[in-house]
Amino acid sequence: MKKLLLFDIDGTLLTTDGASGRAFESALIDVYGTAGPIGEVSFAGKTDPQIAYELLEHAEIPRSVVKAGLEDLWNRYLKHFDNELLSHIVRPFPGVVECLNHIESKTGQALLGLLTGNIEPGAQRKLDASGLGFSRFQVGAFGSDSENRDELPMIAAARAKALVGEHPECETLVIVGDTPADISCGKVVGARTIAVATGVYSRFQLEECCPDFLFDSLENTDLVWDAMIR
Protein backbone atom coordinates (compact mmCIF):
# COMPACT_ATOMS: atom_id res chain seq x y z
CA MET A 1 0.00 0.00 0.00
CA LYS A 2 1.19 3.49 -0.83
CA LYS A 3 1.87 5.94 1.95
CA LEU A 4 -1.03 8.34 2.52
CA LEU A 5 0.56 11.72 3.19
CA LEU A 6 -1.91 14.08 4.90
CA PHE A 7 -0.96 17.74 5.18
CA ASP A 8 -2.45 20.41 7.39
CA ILE A 9 -2.91 23.76 5.62
CA ASP A 10 -2.64 26.87 7.84
CA GLY A 11 0.78 27.21 9.42
CA THR A 12 2.05 24.13 7.57
CA LEU A 13 1.64 24.80 3.86
CA LEU A 14 0.73 28.47 3.82
CA THR A 15 -0.30 31.64 5.63
CA THR A 16 -3.23 33.94 4.88
CA ASP A 17 -1.66 36.73 6.98
CA GLY A 18 -4.82 37.02 9.05
CA ALA A 19 -7.27 37.23 6.14
CA SER A 20 -9.05 34.02 7.09
CA GLY A 21 -9.41 35.07 10.73
CA ARG A 22 -10.86 38.44 9.78
CA ALA A 23 -13.37 36.78 7.48
CA PHE A 24 -14.36 34.34 10.23
CA GLU A 25 -14.85 37.18 12.71
CA SER A 26 -17.04 39.14 10.30
CA ALA A 27 -19.15 36.07 9.57
CA LEU A 28 -19.68 35.32 13.26
CA ILE A 29 -20.88 38.86 13.86
CA ASP A 30 -23.19 38.67 10.84
CA VAL A 31 -24.86 35.46 11.99
CA TYR A 32 -24.71 35.55 15.80
CA GLY A 33 -24.19 39.23 16.56
CA THR A 34 -20.84 38.56 18.26
CA ALA A 35 -17.50 36.88 17.63
CA GLY A 36 -16.97 36.21 21.33
CA PRO A 37 -13.45 36.75 22.70
CA ILE A 38 -11.90 36.13 19.28
CA GLY A 39 -8.69 37.99 20.05
CA GLU A 40 -8.05 35.76 23.04
CA VAL A 41 -8.62 32.34 21.45
CA SER A 42 -6.10 30.60 19.21
CA PHE A 43 -7.40 28.97 16.02
CA ALA A 44 -4.27 26.82 15.65
CA GLY A 45 -4.97 23.11 15.31
CA LYS A 46 -8.75 23.48 15.71
CA THR A 47 -11.51 22.69 13.27
CA ASP A 48 -13.70 25.53 12.02
CA PRO A 49 -16.81 24.19 13.85
CA GLN A 50 -14.78 23.75 17.03
CA ILE A 51 -13.65 27.37 16.84
CA ALA A 52 -17.21 28.61 16.36
CA TYR A 53 -18.57 26.56 19.26
CA GLU A 54 -15.72 27.61 21.55
CA LEU A 55 -16.00 31.32 20.82
CA LEU A 56 -19.76 31.43 21.11
CA GLU A 57 -19.82 29.36 24.27
CA HIS A 58 -17.84 32.21 25.84
CA ALA A 59 -20.59 34.54 24.58
CA GLU A 60 -23.18 32.29 26.29
CA ILE A 61 -24.89 31.32 23.05
CA PRO A 62 -26.36 27.79 23.32
CA ARG A 63 -24.72 25.09 21.26
CA SER A 64 -28.05 24.31 19.59
CA VAL A 65 -28.30 27.91 18.37
CA VAL A 66 -24.74 27.82 17.07
CA LYS A 67 -25.37 24.54 15.24
CA ALA A 68 -28.53 25.89 13.61
CA GLY A 69 -26.56 28.82 12.18
CA LEU A 70 -23.50 26.97 10.90
CA GLU A 71 -24.58 26.70 7.26
CA ASP A 72 -25.21 30.44 7.15
CA LEU A 73 -21.92 31.03 8.96
CA TRP A 74 -19.93 29.10 6.35
CA ASN A 75 -21.63 30.89 3.47
CA ARG A 76 -20.91 34.29 4.96
CA TYR A 77 -17.35 33.31 5.90
CA LEU A 78 -16.61 32.31 2.31
CA LYS A 79 -18.02 35.57 0.97
CA HIS A 80 -15.96 37.62 3.41
CA PHE A 81 -12.86 35.56 2.62
CA ASP A 82 -13.37 36.09 -1.11
CA ASN A 83 -13.42 39.82 -0.41
CA GLU A 84 -10.25 39.55 1.66
CA LEU A 85 -8.53 37.76 -1.20
CA LEU A 86 -9.08 40.77 -3.44
CA SER A 87 -6.48 42.71 -1.44
CA HIS A 88 -4.44 40.11 0.46
CA ILE A 89 -1.96 37.54 -0.77
CA VAL A 90 -1.98 33.95 0.47
CA ARG A 91 1.63 32.76 0.61
CA PRO A 92 3.03 29.23 0.65
CA PHE A 93 5.91 28.72 3.06
CA PRO A 94 9.46 28.22 1.75
CA GLY A 95 10.07 24.73 0.48
CA VAL A 96 6.40 23.77 0.22
CA VAL A 97 6.14 23.93 -3.57
CA GLU A 98 9.29 21.84 -3.97
CA CYS A 99 8.10 19.32 -1.36
CA LEU A 100 4.70 18.82 -3.00
CA ASN A 101 6.22 18.60 -6.47
CA HIS A 102 8.59 15.91 -5.24
CA ILE A 103 5.74 13.89 -3.75
CA GLU A 104 3.79 14.15 -6.98
CA SER A 105 6.79 12.77 -8.87
CA LYS A 106 6.61 9.65 -6.67
CA THR A 107 3.10 8.55 -7.60
CA GLY A 108 3.98 4.90 -7.18
CA GLN A 109 4.93 5.41 -3.54
CA ALA A 110 2.52 7.93 -2.06
CA LEU A 111 -0.91 9.55 -2.23
CA LEU A 112 -0.96 13.29 -1.58
CA GLY A 113 -3.76 14.36 0.74
CA LEU A 114 -5.06 16.90 3.22
CA LEU A 115 -6.07 16.75 6.87
CA THR A 116 -7.25 20.16 7.95
CA GLY A 117 -9.65 21.88 10.29
CA ASN A 118 -10.81 24.11 7.44
CA ILE A 119 -14.20 23.51 5.91
CA GLU A 120 -13.59 22.06 2.45
CA PRO A 121 -14.48 25.14 0.36
CA GLY A 122 -12.28 27.29 2.62
CA ALA A 123 -9.40 24.87 2.10
CA GLN A 124 -9.93 25.04 -1.64
CA ARG A 125 -9.86 28.83 -1.68
CA LYS A 126 -6.65 29.00 0.35
CA LEU A 127 -4.79 26.45 -1.73
CA ASP A 128 -5.90 27.91 -5.04
CA ALA A 129 -5.13 31.48 -3.94
CA SER A 130 -1.64 30.43 -2.83
CA GLY A 131 -0.91 28.81 -6.19
CA LEU A 132 -0.49 25.39 -4.59
CA GLY A 133 -3.76 24.17 -6.08
CA PHE A 134 -6.52 22.23 -4.36
CA SER A 135 -6.96 19.72 -7.17
CA ARG A 136 -3.46 18.26 -6.78
CA PHE A 137 -4.49 16.69 -3.45
CA GLN A 138 -6.04 13.31 -4.20
CA VAL A 139 -7.90 12.83 -0.92
CA GLY A 140 -8.75 14.93 2.10
CA ALA A 141 -10.58 15.22 5.40
CA PHE A 142 -11.89 18.57 6.55
CA GLY A 143 -13.48 20.46 9.40
CA SER A 144 -16.74 20.20 7.48
CA ASP A 145 -16.51 16.41 7.92
CA SER A 146 -16.17 16.45 11.71
CA GLU A 147 -15.78 18.92 14.53
CA ASN A 148 -13.38 16.44 16.16
CA ARG A 149 -9.95 16.48 14.51
CA ASP A 150 -9.17 13.02 15.89
CA GLU A 151 -11.81 11.56 13.57
CA LEU A 152 -10.29 13.03 10.42
CA PRO A 153 -7.46 10.53 9.78
CA MET A 154 -9.88 7.63 9.37
CA ILE A 155 -12.17 9.73 7.17
CA ALA A 156 -9.21 10.42 4.90
CA ALA A 157 -8.25 6.73 4.95
CA ALA A 158 -11.78 5.71 3.90
CA ARG A 159 -11.62 8.14 0.99
CA ALA A 160 -8.24 6.75 -0.02
CA LYS A 161 -9.80 3.27 -0.10
CA ALA A 162 -12.56 4.55 -2.38
CA LEU A 163 -9.88 6.00 -4.66
CA VAL A 164 -7.42 3.11 -4.85
CA GLY A 165 -9.55 0.15 -3.75
CA GLU A 166 -7.44 -0.65 -0.72
CA HIS A 167 -7.78 0.67 2.84
CA PRO A 168 -4.53 2.17 4.13
CA GLU A 169 -3.09 0.51 7.21
CA CYS A 170 -2.48 2.89 10.12
CA GLU A 171 1.27 2.57 9.71
CA THR A 172 0.98 3.87 6.13
CA LEU A 173 -0.67 7.12 7.28
CA VAL A 174 1.62 10.12 7.66
CA ILE A 175 0.29 13.35 9.16
CA VAL A 176 2.23 16.56 8.61
CA GLY A 177 1.30 19.61 10.67
CA ASP A 178 2.42 22.54 12.77
CA THR A 179 0.43 22.10 16.00
CA PRO A 180 0.15 19.68 18.92
CA ALA A 181 -3.33 18.80 17.62
CA ASP A 182 -1.85 17.54 14.36
CA ILE A 183 0.51 15.31 16.30
CA SER A 184 -2.12 14.02 18.73
CA CYS A 185 -4.68 13.14 16.03
CA GLY A 186 -2.01 11.07 14.34
CA LYS A 187 -1.05 9.29 17.54
CA VAL A 188 -4.69 8.37 18.20
CA VAL A 189 -4.71 6.16 15.11
CA GLY A 190 -1.08 5.04 15.15
CA ALA A 191 -0.03 7.19 12.20
CA ARG A 192 3.45 8.57 11.68
CA THR A 193 3.60 12.22 12.72
CA ILE A 194 5.80 14.91 11.22
CA ALA A 195 5.80 18.31 12.90
CA VAL A 196 7.00 21.47 11.22
CA ALA A 197 7.74 24.65 13.20
CA THR A 198 6.39 27.13 10.65
CA GLY A 199 3.24 28.02 12.61
CA VAL A 200 2.62 29.63 15.97
CA TYR A 201 4.17 26.79 17.99
CA SER A 202 7.90 26.78 18.59
CA ARG A 203 10.18 23.85 17.88
CA PHE A 204 10.48 23.32 21.65
CA GLN A 205 6.70 23.21 22.13
CA LEU A 206 6.30 20.71 19.32
CA GLU A 207 9.18 18.61 20.56
CA GLU A 208 7.36 18.19 23.88
CA CYS A 209 4.53 16.47 21.99
CA CYS A 210 6.95 13.77 20.75
CA PRO A 211 6.30 13.71 17.00
CA ASP A 212 8.12 11.01 15.06
CA PHE A 213 9.99 13.69 13.15
CA LEU A 214 10.40 17.43 13.63
CA PHE A 215 11.61 19.99 11.10
CA ASP A 216 12.04 23.74 11.20
CA SER A 217 10.43 23.92 7.74
CA LEU A 218 9.72 21.77 4.69
CA GLU A 219 12.68 23.25 2.83
CA ASN A 220 14.95 20.19 2.93
CA THR A 221 12.93 18.12 0.49
CA ASP A 222 15.14 15.03 0.66
CA LEU A 223 15.09 14.81 4.45
CA VAL A 224 11.34 15.42 4.65
CA TRP A 225 10.63 12.84 1.95
CA ASP A 226 12.82 10.29 3.71
CA ALA A 227 10.92 10.88 6.97
CA MET A 228 7.58 10.39 5.20
CA ILE A 229 8.42 7.33 3.15
CA ARG A 230 10.81 5.22 5.24
C-alpha atoms as a PDB file:
ATOM      1  CA  MET A   1       0.000   0.000   0.000  1.00  0.00           C
ATOM      2  CA  LYS A   2       1.194   3.488  -0.834  1.00  0.00           C
ATOM      3  CA  LYS A   3       1.868   5.939   1.954  1.00  0.00           C
ATOM      4  CA  LEU A   4      -1.034   8.339   2.522  1.00  0.00           C
ATOM      5  CA  LEU A   5       0.557  11.724   3.193  1.00  0.00           C
ATOM      6  CA  LEU A   6      -1.915  14.079   4.898  1.00  0.00           C
ATOM      7  CA  PHE A   7      -0.961  17.741   5.176  1.00  0.00           C
ATOM      8  CA  ASP A   8      -2.453  20.409   7.389  1.00  0.00           C
ATOM      9  CA  ILE A   9      -2.907  23.764   5.620  1.00  0.00           C
ATOM     10  CA  ASP A  10      -2.637  26.869   7.844  1.00  0.00           C
ATOM     11  CA  GLY A  11       0.783  27.207   9.423  1.00  0.00           C
ATOM     12  CA  THR A  12       2.052  24.127   7.574  1.00  0.00           C
ATOM     13  CA  LEU A  13       1.641  24.795   3.860  1.00  0.00           C
ATOM     14  CA  LEU A  14       0.729  28.469   3.824  1.00  0.00           C
ATOM     15  CA  THR A  15      -0.304  31.643   5.629  1.00  0.00           C
ATOM     16  CA  THR A  16      -3.226  33.941   4.876  1.00  0.00           C
ATOM     17  CA  ASP A  17      -1.656  36.729   6.983  1.00  0.00           C
ATOM     18  CA  GLY A  18      -4.818  37.016   9.049  1.00  0.00           C
ATOM     19  CA  ALA A  19      -7.271  37.234   6.143  1.00  0.00           C
ATOM     20  CA  SER A  20      -9.050  34.024   7.093  1.00  0.00           C
ATOM     21  CA  GLY A  21      -9.412  35.071  10.726  1.00  0.00           C
ATOM     22  CA  ARG A  22     -10.855  38.441   9.781  1.00  0.00           C
ATOM     23  CA  ALA A  23     -13.371  36.782   7.478  1.00  0.00           C
ATOM     24  CA  PHE A  24     -14.355  34.339  10.230  1.00  0.00           C
ATOM     25  CA  GLU A  25     -14.848  37.180  12.709  1.00  0.00           C
ATOM     26  CA  SER A  26     -17.045  39.143  10.302  1.00  0.00           C
ATOM     27  CA  ALA A  27     -19.148  36.071   9.568  1.00  0.00           C
ATOM     28  CA  LEU A  28     -19.677  35.320  13.262  1.00  0.00           C
ATOM     29  CA  ILE A  29     -20.882  38.863  13.862  1.00  0.00           C
ATOM     30  CA  ASP A  30     -23.187  38.672  10.836  1.00  0.00           C
ATOM     31  CA  VAL A  31     -24.857  35.460  11.991  1.00  0.00           C
ATOM     32  CA  TYR A  32     -24.713  35.551  15.800  1.00  0.00           C
ATOM     33  CA  GLY A  33     -24.188  39.227  16.563  1.00  0.00           C
ATOM     34  CA  THR A  34     -20.839  38.559  18.256  1.00  0.00           C
ATOM     35  CA  ALA A  35     -17.496  36.879  17.626  1.00  0.00           C
ATOM     36  CA  GLY A  36     -16.973  36.210  21.327  1.00  0.00           C
ATOM     37  CA  PRO A  37     -13.449  36.745  22.696  1.00  0.00           C
ATOM     38  CA  ILE A  38     -11.903  36.131  19.279  1.00  0.00           C
ATOM     39  CA  GLY A  39      -8.689  37.986  20.047  1.00  0.00           C
ATOM     40  CA  GLU A  40      -8.052  35.759  23.043  1.00  0.00           C
ATOM     41  CA  VAL A  41      -8.618  32.343  21.446  1.00  0.00           C
ATOM     42  CA  SER A  42      -6.103  30.597  19.210  1.00  0.00           C
ATOM     43  CA  PHE A  43      -7.399  28.972  16.020  1.00  0.00           C
ATOM     44  CA  ALA A  44      -4.271  26.823  15.653  1.00  0.00           C
ATOM     45  CA  GLY A  45      -4.972  23.114  15.306  1.00  0.00           C
ATOM     46  CA  LYS A  46      -8.748  23.483  15.707  1.00  0.00           C
ATOM     47  CA  THR A  47     -11.514  22.690  13.266  1.00  0.00           C
ATOM     48  CA  ASP A  48     -13.704  25.528  12.020  1.00  0.00           C
ATOM     49  CA  PRO A  49     -16.814  24.194  13.846  1.00  0.00           C
ATOM     50  CA  GLN A  50     -14.775  23.753  17.032  1.00  0.00           C
ATOM     51  CA  ILE A  51     -13.652  27.375  16.836  1.00  0.00           C
ATOM     52  CA  ALA A  52     -17.212  28.612  16.355  1.00  0.00           C
ATOM     53  CA  TYR A  53     -18.571  26.562  19.263  1.00  0.00           C
ATOM     54  CA  GLU A  54     -15.721  27.606  21.553  1.00  0.00           C
ATOM     55  CA  LEU A  55     -15.996  31.323  20.824  1.00  0.00           C
ATOM     56  CA  LEU A  56     -19.757  31.435  21.109  1.00  0.00           C
ATOM     57  CA  GLU A  57     -19.817  29.360  24.270  1.00  0.00           C
ATOM     58  CA  HIS A  58     -17.842  32.214  25.844  1.00  0.00           C
ATOM     59  CA  ALA A  59     -20.588  34.543  24.583  1.00  0.00           C
ATOM     60  CA  GLU A  60     -23.177  32.287  26.286  1.00  0.00           C
ATOM     61  CA  ILE A  61     -24.887  31.318  23.050  1.00  0.00           C
ATOM     62  CA  PRO A  62     -26.362  27.792  23.323  1.00  0.00           C
ATOM     63  CA  ARG A  63     -24.722  25.093  21.256  1.00  0.00           C
ATOM     64  CA  SER A  64     -28.052  24.312  19.591  1.00  0.00           C
ATOM     65  CA  VAL A  65     -28.303  27.908  18.372  1.00  0.00           C
ATOM     66  CA  VAL A  66     -24.742  27.824  17.066  1.00  0.00           C
ATOM     67  CA  LYS A  67     -25.374  24.542  15.241  1.00  0.00           C
ATOM     68  CA  ALA A  68     -28.527  25.893  13.609  1.00  0.00           C
ATOM     69  CA  GLY A  69     -26.565  28.822  12.185  1.00  0.00           C
ATOM     70  CA  LEU A  70     -23.500  26.969  10.896  1.00  0.00           C
ATOM     71  CA  GLU A  71     -24.579  26.697   7.260  1.00  0.00           C
ATOM     72  CA  ASP A  72     -25.211  30.437   7.152  1.00  0.00           C
ATOM     73  CA  LEU A  73     -21.918  31.033   8.964  1.00  0.00           C
ATOM     74  CA  TRP A  74     -19.930  29.098   6.352  1.00  0.00           C
ATOM     75  CA  ASN A  75     -21.628  30.886   3.471  1.00  0.00           C
ATOM     76  CA  ARG A  76     -20.907  34.288   4.956  1.00  0.00           C
ATOM     77  CA  TYR A  77     -17.352  33.309   5.897  1.00  0.00           C
ATOM     78  CA  LEU A  78     -16.614  32.307   2.307  1.00  0.00           C
ATOM     79  CA  LYS A  79     -18.024  35.571   0.972  1.00  0.00           C
ATOM     80  CA  HIS A  80     -15.957  37.617   3.406  1.00  0.00           C
ATOM     81  CA  PHE A  81     -12.863  35.558   2.621  1.00  0.00           C
ATOM     82  CA  ASP A  82     -13.366  36.090  -1.105  1.00  0.00           C
ATOM     83  CA  ASN A  83     -13.417  39.823  -0.412  1.00  0.00           C
ATOM     84  CA  GLU A  84     -10.254  39.549   1.664  1.00  0.00           C
ATOM     85  CA  LEU A  85      -8.533  37.760  -1.201  1.00  0.00           C
ATOM     86  CA  LEU A  86      -9.077  40.772  -3.441  1.00  0.00           C
ATOM     87  CA  SER A  87      -6.484  42.706  -1.440  1.00  0.00           C
ATOM     88  CA  HIS A  88      -4.441  40.110   0.461  1.00  0.00           C
ATOM     89  CA  ILE A  89      -1.963  37.538  -0.766  1.00  0.00           C
ATOM     90  CA  VAL A  90      -1.981  33.950   0.468  1.00  0.00           C
ATOM     91  CA  ARG A  91       1.626  32.760   0.608  1.00  0.00           C
ATOM     92  CA  PRO A  92       3.025  29.228   0.647  1.00  0.00           C
ATOM     93  CA  PHE A  93       5.907  28.721   3.062  1.00  0.00           C
ATOM     94  CA  PRO A  94       9.455  28.222   1.751  1.00  0.00           C
ATOM     95  CA  GLY A  95      10.067  24.728   0.476  1.00  0.00           C
ATOM     96  CA  VAL A  96       6.399  23.770   0.218  1.00  0.00           C
ATOM     97  CA  VAL A  97       6.145  23.930  -3.574  1.00  0.00           C
ATOM     98  CA  GLU A  98       9.285  21.841  -3.973  1.00  0.00           C
ATOM     99  CA  CYS A  99       8.100  19.319  -1.363  1.00  0.00           C
ATOM    100  CA  LEU A 100       4.696  18.823  -3.001  1.00  0.00           C
ATOM    101  CA  ASN A 101       6.220  18.600  -6.473  1.00  0.00           C
ATOM    102  CA  HIS A 102       8.595  15.910  -5.240  1.00  0.00           C
ATOM    103  CA  ILE A 103       5.739  13.891  -3.745  1.00  0.00           C
ATOM    104  CA  GLU A 104       3.789  14.147  -6.982  1.00  0.00           C
ATOM    105  CA  SER A 105       6.794  12.772  -8.868  1.00  0.00           C
ATOM    106  CA  LYS A 106       6.612   9.654  -6.669  1.00  0.00           C
ATOM    107  CA  THR A 107       3.104   8.553  -7.597  1.00  0.00           C
ATOM    108  CA  GLY A 108       3.977   4.901  -7.175  1.00  0.00           C
ATOM    109  CA  GLN A 109       4.929   5.409  -3.538  1.00  0.00           C
ATOM    110  CA  ALA A 110       2.515   7.930  -2.060  1.00  0.00           C
ATOM    111  CA  LEU A 111      -0.906   9.554  -2.234  1.00  0.00           C
ATOM    112  CA  LEU A 112      -0.960  13.291  -1.583  1.00  0.00           C
ATOM    113  CA  GLY A 113      -3.758  14.363   0.737  1.00  0.00           C
ATOM    114  CA  LEU A 114      -5.065  16.903   3.222  1.00  0.00           C
ATOM    115  CA  LEU A 115      -6.067  16.746   6.875  1.00  0.00           C
ATOM    116  CA  THR A 116      -7.251  20.161   7.946  1.00  0.00           C
ATOM    117  CA  GLY A 117      -9.652  21.879  10.293  1.00  0.00           C
ATOM    118  CA  ASN A 118     -10.808  24.109   7.435  1.00  0.00           C
ATOM    119  CA  ILE A 119     -14.204  23.507   5.907  1.00  0.00           C
ATOM    120  CA  GLU A 120     -13.594  22.057   2.447  1.00  0.00           C
ATOM    121  CA  PRO A 121     -14.480  25.139   0.355  1.00  0.00           C
ATOM    122  CA  GLY A 122     -12.285  27.285   2.617  1.00  0.00           C
ATOM    123  CA  ALA A 123      -9.401  24.873   2.105  1.00  0.00           C
ATOM    124  CA  GLN A 124      -9.934  25.042  -1.644  1.00  0.00           C
ATOM    125  CA  ARG A 125      -9.855  28.832  -1.683  1.00  0.00           C
ATOM    126  CA  LYS A 126      -6.655  29.003   0.352  1.00  0.00           C
ATOM    127  CA  LEU A 127      -4.786  26.454  -1.726  1.00  0.00           C
ATOM    128  CA  ASP A 128      -5.899  27.912  -5.039  1.00  0.00           C
ATOM    129  CA  ALA A 129      -5.126  31.482  -3.940  1.00  0.00           C
ATOM    130  CA  SER A 130      -1.641  30.426  -2.835  1.00  0.00           C
ATOM    131  CA  GLY A 131      -0.906  28.812  -6.190  1.00  0.00           C
ATOM    132  CA  LEU A 132      -0.493  25.387  -4.594  1.00  0.00           C
ATOM    133  CA  GLY A 133      -3.761  24.175  -6.080  1.00  0.00           C
ATOM    134  CA  PHE A 134      -6.521  22.231  -4.356  1.00  0.00           C
ATOM    135  CA  SER A 135      -6.963  19.716  -7.175  1.00  0.00           C
ATOM    136  CA  ARG A 136      -3.460  18.258  -6.781  1.00  0.00           C
ATOM    137  CA  PHE A 137      -4.493  16.689  -3.447  1.00  0.00           C
ATOM    138  CA  GLN A 138      -6.035  13.313  -4.200  1.00  0.00           C
ATOM    139  CA  VAL A 139      -7.896  12.832  -0.920  1.00  0.00           C
ATOM    140  CA  GLY A 140      -8.755  14.927   2.103  1.00  0.00           C
ATOM    141  CA  ALA A 141     -10.579  15.216   5.400  1.00  0.00           C
ATOM    142  CA  PHE A 142     -11.893  18.574   6.549  1.00  0.00           C
ATOM    143  CA  GLY A 143     -13.480  20.460   9.405  1.00  0.00           C
ATOM    144  CA  SER A 144     -16.741  20.203   7.477  1.00  0.00           C
ATOM    145  CA  ASP A 145     -16.513  16.413   7.923  1.00  0.00           C
ATOM    146  CA  SER A 146     -16.174  16.452  11.710  1.00  0.00           C
ATOM    147  CA  GLU A 147     -15.780  18.920  14.532  1.00  0.00           C
ATOM    148  CA  ASN A 148     -13.381  16.442  16.156  1.00  0.00           C
ATOM    149  CA  ARG A 149      -9.950  16.476  14.506  1.00  0.00           C
ATOM    150  CA  ASP A 150      -9.169  13.022  15.890  1.00  0.00           C
ATOM    151  CA  GLU A 151     -11.807  11.557  13.571  1.00  0.00           C
ATOM    152  CA  LEU A 152     -10.293  13.031  10.423  1.00  0.00           C
ATOM    153  CA  PRO A 153      -7.459  10.526   9.778  1.00  0.00           C
ATOM    154  CA  MET A 154      -9.877   7.629   9.373  1.00  0.00           C
ATOM    155  CA  ILE A 155     -12.168   9.726   7.175  1.00  0.00           C
ATOM    156  CA  ALA A 156      -9.207  10.418   4.902  1.00  0.00           C
ATOM    157  CA  ALA A 157      -8.254   6.726   4.950  1.00  0.00           C
ATOM    158  CA  ALA A 158     -11.780   5.710   3.902  1.00  0.00           C
ATOM    159  CA  ARG A 159     -11.618   8.142   0.986  1.00  0.00           C
ATOM    160  CA  ALA A 160      -8.241   6.745  -0.020  1.00  0.00           C
ATOM    161  CA  LYS A 161      -9.797   3.274  -0.101  1.00  0.00           C
ATOM    162  CA  ALA A 162     -12.556   4.552  -2.383  1.00  0.00           C
ATOM    163  CA  LEU A 163      -9.881   5.997  -4.661  1.00  0.00           C
ATOM    164  CA  VAL A 164      -7.422   3.106  -4.854  1.00  0.00           C
ATOM    165  CA  GLY A 165      -9.555   0.151  -3.753  1.00  0.00           C
ATOM    166  CA  GLU A 166      -7.444  -0.649  -0.718  1.00  0.00           C
ATOM    167  CA  HIS A 167      -7.782   0.666   2.839  1.00  0.00           C
ATOM    168  CA  PRO A 168      -4.528   2.169   4.133  1.00  0.00           C
ATOM    169  CA  GLU A 169      -3.093   0.511   7.214  1.00  0.00           C
ATOM    170  CA  CYS A 170      -2.484   2.888  10.123  1.00  0.00           C
ATOM    171  CA  GLU A 171       1.271   2.571   9.706  1.00  0.00           C
ATOM    172  CA  THR A 172       0.978   3.870   6.133  1.00  0.00           C
ATOM    173  CA  LEU A 173      -0.674   7.116   7.282  1.00  0.00           C
ATOM    174  CA  VAL A 174       1.623  10.123   7.657  1.00  0.00           C
ATOM    175  CA  ILE A 175       0.292  13.350   9.157  1.00  0.00           C
ATOM    176  CA  VAL A 176       2.228  16.564   8.614  1.00  0.00           C
ATOM    177  CA  GLY A 177       1.298  19.614  10.671  1.00  0.00           C
ATOM    178  CA  ASP A 178       2.420  22.540  12.775  1.00  0.00           C
ATOM    179  CA  THR A 179       0.434  22.104  15.999  1.00  0.00           C
ATOM    180  CA  PRO A 180       0.148  19.683  18.919  1.00  0.00           C
ATOM    181  CA  ALA A 181      -3.333  18.798  17.623  1.00  0.00           C
ATOM    182  CA  ASP A 182      -1.845  17.538  14.357  1.00  0.00           C
ATOM    183  CA  ILE A 183       0.514  15.313  16.304  1.00  0.00           C
ATOM    184  CA  SER A 184      -2.120  14.022  18.729  1.00  0.00           C
ATOM    185  CA  CYS A 185      -4.681  13.142  16.028  1.00  0.00           C
ATOM    186  CA  GLY A 186      -2.012  11.067  14.338  1.00  0.00           C
ATOM    187  CA  LYS A 187      -1.049   9.292  17.539  1.00  0.00           C
ATOM    188  CA  VAL A 188      -4.687   8.372  18.202  1.00  0.00           C
ATOM    189  CA  VAL A 189      -4.714   6.160  15.109  1.00  0.00           C
ATOM    190  CA  GLY A 190      -1.084   5.037  15.152  1.00  0.00           C
ATOM    191  CA  ALA A 191      -0.030   7.189  12.197  1.00  0.00           C
ATOM    192  CA  ARG A 192       3.448   8.570  11.677  1.00  0.00           C
ATOM    193  CA  THR A 193       3.605  12.216  12.717  1.00  0.00           C
ATOM    194  CA  ILE A 194       5.800  14.912  11.221  1.00  0.00           C
ATOM    195  CA  ALA A 195       5.796  18.310  12.900  1.00  0.00           C
ATOM    196  CA  VAL A 196       7.002  21.475  11.223  1.00  0.00           C
ATOM    197  CA  ALA A 197       7.744  24.647  13.201  1.00  0.00           C
ATOM    198  CA  THR A 198       6.390  27.128  10.649  1.00  0.00           C
ATOM    199  CA  GLY A 199       3.240  28.024  12.606  1.00  0.00           C
ATOM    200  CA  VAL A 200       2.616  29.631  15.975  1.00  0.00           C
ATOM    201  CA  TYR A 201       4.175  26.793  17.990  1.00  0.00           C
ATOM    202  CA  SER A 202       7.903  26.785  18.587  1.00  0.00           C
ATOM    203  CA  ARG A 203      10.180  23.855  17.885  1.00  0.00           C
ATOM    204  CA  PHE A 204      10.477  23.320  21.647  1.00  0.00           C
ATOM    205  CA  GLN A 205       6.696  23.214  22.127  1.00  0.00           C
ATOM    206  CA  LEU A 206       6.302  20.715  19.315  1.00  0.00           C
ATOM    207  CA  GLU A 207       9.184  18.611  20.559  1.00  0.00           C
ATOM    208  CA  GLU A 208       7.364  18.193  23.885  1.00  0.00           C
ATOM    209  CA  CYS A 209       4.527  16.472  21.992  1.00  0.00           C
ATOM    210  CA  CYS A 210       6.946  13.768  20.754  1.00  0.00           C
ATOM    211  CA  PRO A 211       6.297  13.714  16.998  1.00  0.00           C
ATOM    212  CA  ASP A 212       8.117  11.012  15.063  1.00  0.00           C
ATOM    213  CA  PHE A 213       9.995  13.692  13.148  1.00  0.00           C
ATOM    214  CA  LEU A 214      10.396  17.430  13.635  1.00  0.00           C
ATOM    215  CA  PHE A 215      11.609  19.989  11.097  1.00  0.00           C
ATOM    216  CA  ASP A 216      12.036  23.740  11.197  1.00  0.00           C
ATOM    217  CA  SER A 217      10.427  23.917   7.744  1.00  0.00           C
ATOM    218  CA  LEU A 218       9.724  21.766   4.686  1.00  0.00           C
ATOM    219  CA  GLU A 219      12.685  23.246   2.827  1.00  0.00           C
ATOM    220  CA  ASN A 220      14.954  20.194   2.930  1.00  0.00           C
ATOM    221  CA  THR A 221      12.935  18.120   0.488  1.00  0.00           C
ATOM    222  CA  ASP A 222      15.142  15.033   0.655  1.00  0.00           C
ATOM    223  CA  LEU A 223      15.086  14.810   4.454  1.00  0.00           C
ATOM    224  CA  VAL A 224      11.342  15.417   4.645  1.00  0.00           C
ATOM    225  CA  TRP A 225      10.626  12.843   1.946  1.00  0.00           C
ATOM    226  CA  ASP A 226      12.824  10.292   3.714  1.00  0.00           C
ATOM    227  CA  ALA A 227      10.919  10.878   6.970  1.00  0.00           C
ATOM    228  CA  MET A 228       7.583  10.386   5.205  1.00  0.00           C
ATOM    229  CA  ILE A 229       8.418   7.331   3.147  1.00  0.00           C
ATOM    230  CA  ARG A 230      10.812   5.224   5.239  1.00  0.00           C
END
